[in-house]
Amino acid sequence: MLEEAITVAAIIGGSAAAVWYAKNKFQPGIERDLERIESTTYERPESRHKTHK
């Protein structure tokens, strides 16, 4: 019973560590991409309205 508990704790701890590592590694790039996408998304509707006038 104790071995199963240790195994489950190790699996959950390892998963948590992998998620933390991935978040720290990829989050800055994701935020940059989102800012770039949002800035182009907000500019396009204005240019569309200008072309239809």
C-alpha atoms as a PDB file:
ATOM      1  CA  MET A   1       0.000   0.000   0.000  1.00  0.00           C
ATOM      2  CA  LEU A   2       2.825   2.357   0.839  1.00  0.00           C
ATOM      3  CA  GLU A   3       4.579   1.599  -2.451  1.00  0.00           C
ATOM      4  CA  GLU A   4       1.456   2.503  -4.430  1.00  0.00           C
ATOM      5  CA  ALA A   5       1.131   5.772  -2.559  1.00  0.00           C
ATOM      6  CA  ILE A   6       4.764   6.640  -3.257  1.00  0.00           C
ATOM      7  CA  THR A   7       4.336   5.698  -6.923  1.00  0.00           C
ATOM      8  CA  VAL A   8       1.225   7.870  -7.302  1.00  0.00           C
ATOM      9  CA  ALA A   9       2.950  10.772  -5.554  1.00  0.00           C
ATOM     10  CA  ALA A  10       5.966  10.430  -7.852  1.00  0.00           C
ATOM     11  CA  ILE A  11       3.768  10.380 -10.953  1.00  0.00           C
ATOM     12  CA  ILE A  12       1.788  13.441  -9.847  1.00  0.00           C
ATOM     13  CA  GLY A  13       4.975  15.265  -8.822  1.00  0.00           C
ATOM     14  CA  GLY A  14       6.664  14.443 -12.112  1.00  0.00           C
ATOM     15  CA  SER A  15       3.637  15.619 -14.059  1.00  0.00           C
ATOM     16  CA  ALA A  16       3.523  18.856 -12.094  1.00  0.00           C
ATOM     17  CA  ALA A  17       7.220  19.442 -12.752  1.00  0.00           C
ATOM     18  CA  ALA A  18       6.758  18.815 -16.484  1.00  0.00           C
ATOM     19  CA  VAL A  19       3.853  21.271 -16.653  1.00  0.00           C
ATOM     20  CA  TRP A  20       5.828  23.912 -14.726  1.00  0.00           C
ATOM     21  CA  TYR A  21       8.830  23.482 -17.045  1.00  0.00           C
ATOM     22  CA  ALA A  22       6.701  23.688 -20.194  1.00  0.00           C
ATOM     23  CA  LYS A  23       4.881  26.784 -18.915  1.00  0.00           C
ATOM     24  CA  ASN A  24       8.134  28.581 -18.131  1.00  0.00           C
ATOM     25  CA  LYS A  25       9.661  27.625 -21.462  1.00  0.00           C
ATOM     26  CA  PHE A  26       6.742  28.343 -23.823  1.00  0.00           C
ATOM     27  CA  GLN A  27       4.626  31.028 -22.091  1.00  0.00           C
ATOM     28  CA  PRO A  28       6.712  34.065 -23.205  1.00  0.00           C
ATOM     29  CA  GLY A  29       6.530  32.981 -26.853  1.00  0.00           C
ATOM     30  CA  ILE A  30       2.800  32.339 -26.636  1.00  0.00           C
ATOM     31  CA  GLU A  31       2.187  35.780 -25.116  1.00  0.00           C
ATOM     32  CA  ARG A  32       4.235  37.451 -27.883  1.00  0.00           C
ATOM     33  CA  ASP A  33       2.276  35.600 -30.557  1.00  0.00           C
ATOM     34  CA  LEU A  34      -1.047  36.519 -28.956  1.00  0.00           C
ATOM     35  CA  GLU A  35      -0.065  40.205 -28.775  1.00  0.00           C
ATOM     36  CA  ARG A  36       0.941  40.127 -32.445  1.00  0.00           C
ATOM     37  CA  ILE A  37      -2.319  38.422 -33.465  1.00  0.00           C
ATOM     38  CA  GLU A  38      -4.432  40.805 -31.380  1.00  0.00           C
ATOM     39  CA  SER A  39      -2.690  43.871 -32.801  1.00  0.00           C
ATOM     40  CA  THR A  40      -3.295  42.733 -36.392  1.00  0.00           C
ATOM     41  CA  THR A  41      -6.874  41.706 -35.601  1.00  0.00           C
ATOM     42  CA  TYR A  42      -7.735  45.142 -34.251  1.00  0.00           C
ATOM     43  CA  GLU A  43      -6.190  46.932 -37.232  1.00  0.00           C
ATOM     44  CA  ARG A  44      -7.949  44.950 -39.963  1.00  0.00           C
ATOM     45  CA  PRO A  45     -11.574  45.968 -39.278  1.00  0.00           C
ATOM     46  CA  GLU A  46     -10.614  49.660 -39.544  1.00  0.00           C
ATOM     47  CA  SER A  47      -8.953  49.109 -42.907  1.00  0.00           C
ATOM     48  CA  ARG A  48     -11.958  47.123 -44.153  1.00  0.00           C
ATOM     49  CA  HIS A  49     -14.347  49.921 -43.280  1.00  0.00           C
ATOM     50  CA  LYS A  50     -12.178  52.440 -45.104  1.00  0.00           C
ATOM     51  CA  THR A  51     -12.188  50.384 -48.318  1.00  0.00           C
ATOM     52  CA  HIS A  52     -15.990  50.036 -48.394  1.00  0.00           C
ATOM     53  CA  LYS A  53     -16.651  53.794 -48.265  1.00  0.00           C
END
